[in-house]
Amino acid sequence: MRRAAARVSLLLLSFVPALACAQAKSVFIADLTWPEVRTAIAQGKTTAIYYAGSTEQNGPHMALGKHNVIASYVAGRVAEQLGNALVYPVLPFAPTGDHMKFPGSVSLTDKTFAAVAREVAASMLSAGFRNVVLMGDHGGGQQALKQVASELDNEWRSKGARAYYIGDAYYRQDEVRQYLARRNLPAGEHAGIEDTSELMFLDREQKWIRRDKLARGDAKSGVDGDPRQASPELGKALLDIKVNNVATQIRDLVGKP
């Protein structure tokens, strides 16, 4: 009897690595093979996430890729929370306007930005995803994303697929400002306490934040706000708010899996 029980235990244990491997599959399509993407869609991951970041100045204290790091993290968290979504690579460029005064910033025209979003999203729909959600972590290009989503939705709805613009990824700032106000912390518009805290939380290797350069913002520095009271703990809280807002809007528009 004991031998039989031992054999059963060993048999069950042999399935653990395979189960762990299956559960550890990435939500990022760049980590997957095409058969794995096909299988994931067939098994219910029918929503694709398109998230645009930006490469732009973020003051003397923060790396130009801030939006891209944050967008990748938020998209991954949202996909995991939804349970039925996969994430496409973050677009690292956007219309950046006045940021072009600072070396390193990259800007796309609204037309080019929209064209890339449209063709990537169309690729998502052609791959078999039934719902595509488009959003951006940077202010420039938001209306372009909204327009692209509307146009694609009109084109694909008759084929049983939909496209949506997720504005809460950028415009839903009320909870963030309330959170800061309750703690007597200053809100900012660009590279201030919010942005800096979020990246600080993700900067585990301390390569994206120059802590010795933290200073109150001005026009010359490119910072609107005061990042000096930024912290990883605050960044985690603010990122949690963003993730929950985005996931909620997607569920409201697309529906629960």
Protein backbone atom coordinates (compact mmCIF):
# COMPACT_ATOMS: atom_id res chain seq x y z
CA MET A 1 0.00 0.00 0.00
CA ARG A 2 2.78 2.37 0.95
CA ARG A 3 4.67 1.55 -2.25
CA ALA A 4 1.57 2.27 -4.33
CA ALA A 5 1.08 5.60 -2.57
CA ALA A 6 4.73 6.47 -3.13
CA ARG A 7 4.42 5.69 -6.85
CA VAL A 8 1.33 7.91 -7.09
CA SER A 9 3.18 10.73 -5.33
CA LEU A 10 6.12 10.43 -7.67
CA LEU A 11 3.78 10.41 -10.65
CA LEU A 12 2.05 13.58 -9.46
CA LEU A 13 5.37 15.28 -8.83
CA SER A 14 6.46 14.48 -12.39
CA PHE A 15 3.66 16.69 -13.67
CA VAL A 16 4.67 19.70 -11.58
CA PRO A 17 7.46 20.99 -13.88
CA ALA A 18 5.21 20.73 -16.95
CA LEU A 19 2.38 22.51 -15.13
CA ALA A 20 4.71 25.24 -13.91
CA CYS A 21 6.05 25.70 -17.43
CA ALA A 22 2.54 26.00 -18.84
CA GLN A 23 1.57 28.56 -16.22
CA ALA A 24 4.77 30.54 -16.76
CA LYS A 25 4.01 31.30 -20.43
CA SER A 26 4.64 34.98 -21.10
CA VAL A 27 1.83 37.41 -21.94
CA PHE A 28 4.24 39.18 -24.34
CA ILE A 29 4.04 37.86 -27.88
CA ALA A 30 7.70 38.73 -28.45
CA ASP A 31 8.54 35.93 -26.01
CA LEU A 32 6.39 33.37 -27.81
CA THR A 33 6.61 31.37 -31.02
CA TRP A 34 3.86 31.68 -33.61
CA PRO A 35 2.37 28.25 -32.76
CA GLU A 36 2.23 29.35 -29.12
CA VAL A 37 0.38 32.53 -30.10
CA ARG A 38 -2.03 30.52 -32.22
CA THR A 39 -2.65 28.11 -29.35
CA ALA A 40 -3.11 30.94 -26.87
CA ILE A 41 -5.77 32.53 -29.08
CA ALA A 42 -7.53 29.18 -29.51
CA GLN A 43 -7.50 28.74 -25.73
CA GLY A 44 -9.19 32.09 -25.12
CA LYS A 45 -6.56 34.82 -25.20
CA THR A 46 -8.52 36.74 -27.80
CA THR A 47 -7.63 40.32 -26.76
CA ALA A 48 -4.47 42.01 -28.06
CA ILE A 49 -2.96 45.06 -26.34
CA TYR A 50 -1.26 47.81 -28.36
CA TYR A 51 0.51 50.30 -26.09
CA ALA A 52 2.48 53.26 -27.42
CA GLY A 53 5.27 54.74 -25.34
CA SER A 54 7.65 57.53 -26.35
CA THR A 55 11.33 58.39 -26.48
CA GLU A 56 11.59 61.90 -25.10
CA GLN A 57 13.41 64.09 -22.60
CA ASN A 58 12.42 63.55 -18.99
CA GLY A 59 14.62 66.11 -17.32
CA PRO A 60 18.24 65.71 -16.17
CA HIS A 61 17.23 63.01 -13.67
CA MET A 62 15.37 60.45 -15.77
CA ALA A 63 16.10 58.35 -18.87
CA LEU A 64 14.43 59.10 -22.21
CA GLY A 65 12.79 55.67 -22.32
CA LYS A 66 10.60 56.27 -19.27
CA HIS A 67 7.28 55.86 -21.10
CA ASN A 68 8.41 52.63 -22.77
CA VAL A 69 9.44 50.97 -19.51
CA ILE A 70 6.22 52.00 -17.79
CA ALA A 71 4.03 51.02 -20.75
CA SER A 72 5.56 47.54 -20.95
CA TYR A 73 5.07 46.98 -17.22
CA VAL A 74 1.48 48.25 -17.20
CA ALA A 75 0.52 46.26 -20.31
CA GLY A 76 1.93 43.07 -18.80
CA ARG A 77 0.12 43.60 -15.51
CA VAL A 78 -3.14 44.38 -17.31
CA ALA A 79 -2.87 41.25 -19.47
CA GLU A 80 -2.25 39.11 -16.40
CA GLN A 81 -5.18 40.70 -14.59
CA LEU A 82 -7.53 40.20 -17.54
CA GLY A 83 -6.41 36.63 -18.13
CA ASN A 84 -7.47 36.66 -21.79
CA ALA A 85 -4.98 39.04 -23.37
CA LEU A 86 -1.55 39.14 -24.98
CA VAL A 87 0.71 42.18 -25.35
CA TYR A 88 2.41 43.35 -28.55
CA PRO A 89 5.79 45.16 -28.35
CA VAL A 90 5.53 48.74 -27.12
CA LEU A 91 5.88 51.35 -29.85
CA PRO A 92 8.81 53.46 -28.54
CA PHE A 93 8.03 56.60 -30.56
CA ALA A 94 5.24 59.19 -30.57
CA PRO A 95 4.54 62.81 -31.52
CA THR A 96 6.62 64.69 -28.93
CA GLY A 97 6.35 68.33 -30.01
CA ASP A 98 8.29 70.73 -27.77
CA HIS A 99 10.40 67.92 -26.33
CA MET A 100 12.40 68.04 -29.55
CA LYS A 101 14.25 71.03 -28.11
CA PHE A 102 16.15 68.52 -25.99
CA PRO A 103 18.73 66.13 -27.50
CA GLY A 104 17.66 62.50 -27.73
CA SER A 105 13.93 63.12 -28.14
CA VAL A 106 12.27 61.46 -31.14
CA SER A 107 9.08 62.70 -32.77
CA LEU A 108 6.67 61.18 -35.28
CA THR A 109 4.02 63.09 -37.15
CA ASP A 110 0.43 62.26 -36.19
CA LYS A 111 0.02 60.75 -39.64
CA THR A 112 2.97 58.38 -39.26
CA PHE A 113 2.06 57.53 -35.68
CA ALA A 114 -1.51 56.70 -36.73
CA ALA A 115 -0.33 54.68 -39.74
CA VAL A 116 1.90 52.48 -37.58
CA ALA A 117 -0.88 51.94 -35.04
CA ARG A 118 -3.34 51.07 -37.78
CA GLU A 119 -1.07 48.52 -39.48
CA VAL A 120 0.01 46.85 -36.24
CA ALA A 121 -3.59 46.66 -35.01
CA ALA A 122 -4.70 45.29 -38.38
CA SER A 123 -1.99 42.62 -38.02
CA MET A 124 -3.44 41.73 -34.63
CA LEU A 125 -6.90 41.30 -36.10
CA SER A 126 -5.55 39.29 -39.04
CA ALA A 127 -3.79 37.00 -36.57
CA GLY A 128 -7.18 36.01 -35.14
CA PHE A 129 -7.57 38.27 -32.10
CA ARG A 130 -11.23 39.21 -31.67
CA ASN A 131 -10.58 42.39 -29.68
CA VAL A 132 -7.79 44.93 -30.08
CA VAL A 133 -7.23 47.70 -27.55
CA LEU A 134 -5.09 50.73 -28.35
CA MET A 135 -3.63 53.11 -25.78
CA GLY A 136 -0.70 55.42 -25.18
CA ASP A 137 1.40 56.40 -22.17
CA HIS A 138 2.33 59.79 -23.69
CA GLY A 139 0.02 62.72 -24.38
CA GLY A 140 0.93 63.19 -28.03
CA GLY A 141 -1.00 60.95 -30.40
CA GLN A 142 -3.96 60.19 -28.15
CA GLN A 143 -6.51 61.48 -30.65
CA ALA A 144 -4.75 59.57 -33.43
CA LEU A 145 -5.13 56.33 -31.48
CA LYS A 146 -8.79 57.08 -30.84
CA GLN A 147 -9.40 57.71 -34.53
CA VAL A 148 -7.55 54.55 -35.60
CA ALA A 149 -9.56 52.44 -33.15
CA SER A 150 -12.82 53.89 -34.46
CA GLU A 151 -11.88 53.28 -38.10
CA LEU A 152 -10.73 49.71 -37.49
CA ASP A 153 -13.81 48.96 -35.44
CA ASN A 154 -16.03 50.05 -38.32
CA GLU A 155 -14.03 47.92 -40.76
CA TRP A 156 -13.86 44.73 -38.69
CA ARG A 157 -17.13 44.68 -36.78
CA SER A 158 -18.94 42.84 -39.57
CA LYS A 159 -16.25 40.15 -39.35
CA GLY A 160 -16.87 39.62 -35.65
CA ALA A 161 -13.84 41.57 -34.38
CA ARG A 162 -13.66 44.88 -32.52
CA ALA A 163 -11.13 47.66 -31.84
CA TYR A 164 -11.23 50.00 -28.84
CA TYR A 165 -9.38 53.08 -27.62
CA ILE A 166 -8.45 52.97 -23.92
CA GLY A 167 -8.22 56.60 -22.88
CA ASP A 168 -8.00 55.83 -19.16
CA ALA A 169 -4.39 54.75 -19.66
CA TYR A 170 -3.49 58.43 -19.98
CA TYR A 171 -6.40 60.69 -19.08
CA ARG A 172 -7.64 59.07 -15.86
CA GLN A 173 -5.63 61.26 -13.47
CA ASP A 174 -8.24 62.08 -10.82
CA GLU A 175 -7.36 59.19 -8.51
CA VAL A 176 -3.65 59.92 -8.82
CA ARG A 177 -4.07 63.56 -7.89
CA GLN A 178 -6.35 62.67 -4.99
CA TYR A 179 -3.82 60.13 -3.77
CA LEU A 180 -1.07 62.77 -3.85
CA ALA A 181 -3.26 65.45 -2.25
CA ARG A 182 -4.10 63.20 0.72
CA ARG A 183 -0.36 62.96 1.35
CA ASN A 184 0.31 66.67 0.79
CA LEU A 185 2.45 65.87 -2.23
CA PRO A 186 2.68 68.09 -5.32
CA ALA A 187 1.22 66.96 -8.64
CA GLY A 188 3.16 67.59 -11.85
CA GLU A 189 2.62 67.38 -15.57
CA HIS A 190 5.89 65.99 -16.90
CA ALA A 191 8.81 64.19 -15.22
CA GLY A 192 7.53 65.27 -11.82
CA ILE A 193 6.75 63.20 -8.75
CA GLU A 194 4.32 60.86 -10.55
CA ASP A 195 6.49 59.85 -13.50
CA THR A 196 9.64 59.71 -11.39
CA SER A 197 8.06 57.55 -8.70
CA GLU A 198 6.67 55.09 -11.23
CA LEU A 199 10.02 54.62 -12.95
CA MET A 200 11.81 54.58 -9.61
CA PHE A 201 9.71 51.56 -8.59
CA LEU A 202 10.68 49.77 -11.81
CA ASP A 203 14.34 50.83 -11.67
CA ARG A 204 15.56 47.80 -9.73
CA GLU A 205 19.04 48.05 -11.22
CA GLN A 206 19.16 51.83 -10.68
CA LYS A 207 20.02 52.63 -14.28
CA TRP A 208 17.16 54.94 -15.29
CA ILE A 209 17.03 57.47 -12.43
CA ARG A 210 19.85 59.91 -11.60
CA ARG A 211 19.06 60.53 -7.95
CA ASP A 212 21.73 63.21 -7.62
CA LYS A 213 19.92 65.23 -10.33
CA LEU A 214 16.50 65.40 -8.67
CA ALA A 215 15.43 69.06 -8.55
CA ARG A 216 12.36 71.26 -8.80
CA GLY A 217 11.39 71.64 -12.43
CA ASP A 218 11.60 74.67 -14.69
CA ALA A 219 11.42 75.40 -18.42
CA LYS A 220 15.16 75.01 -18.84
CA SER A 221 15.31 71.54 -17.27
CA GLY A 222 12.28 70.17 -19.13
CA VAL A 223 10.59 69.15 -15.87
CA ASP A 224 7.09 70.30 -14.93
CA GLY A 225 6.70 69.46 -11.25
CA ASP A 226 8.93 68.52 -8.36
CA PRO A 227 10.35 64.98 -8.35
CA ARG A 228 12.36 65.36 -5.14
CA GLN A 229 9.80 63.53 -3.00
CA ALA A 230 9.43 60.66 -5.44
CA SER A 231 9.77 57.15 -4.04
CA PRO A 232 9.45 53.54 -5.19
CA GLU A 233 6.62 53.00 -2.71
CA LEU A 234 4.66 55.89 -4.19
CA GLY A 235 5.41 54.62 -7.68
CA LYS A 236 3.98 51.19 -6.90
CA ALA A 237 0.75 52.74 -5.62
CA LEU A 238 0.39 54.98 -8.68
CA LEU A 239 1.11 52.11 -11.07
CA ASP A 240 -1.49 49.98 -9.30
CA ILE A 241 -4.04 52.73 -9.87
CA LYS A 242 -3.16 52.90 -13.58
CA VAL A 243 -3.29 49.14 -14.05
CA ASN A 244 -6.67 48.87 -12.34
CA ASN A 245 -8.12 51.78 -14.33
CA VAL A 246 -6.97 50.32 -17.64
CA ALA A 247 -8.14 46.78 -16.83
CA THR A 248 -11.52 48.12 -15.69
CA GLN A 249 -12.06 50.14 -18.87
CA ILE A 250 -11.12 47.17 -21.05
CA ARG A 251 -13.55 44.93 -19.16
CA ASP A 252 -16.28 47.56 -19.47
CA LEU A 253 -15.78 47.84 -23.23
CA VAL A 254 -14.81 44.31 -24.22
CA GLY A 255 -16.58 42.36 -21.51
CA LYS A 256 -15.31 39.80 -19.04
CA PRO A 257 -13.64 36.64 -20.38
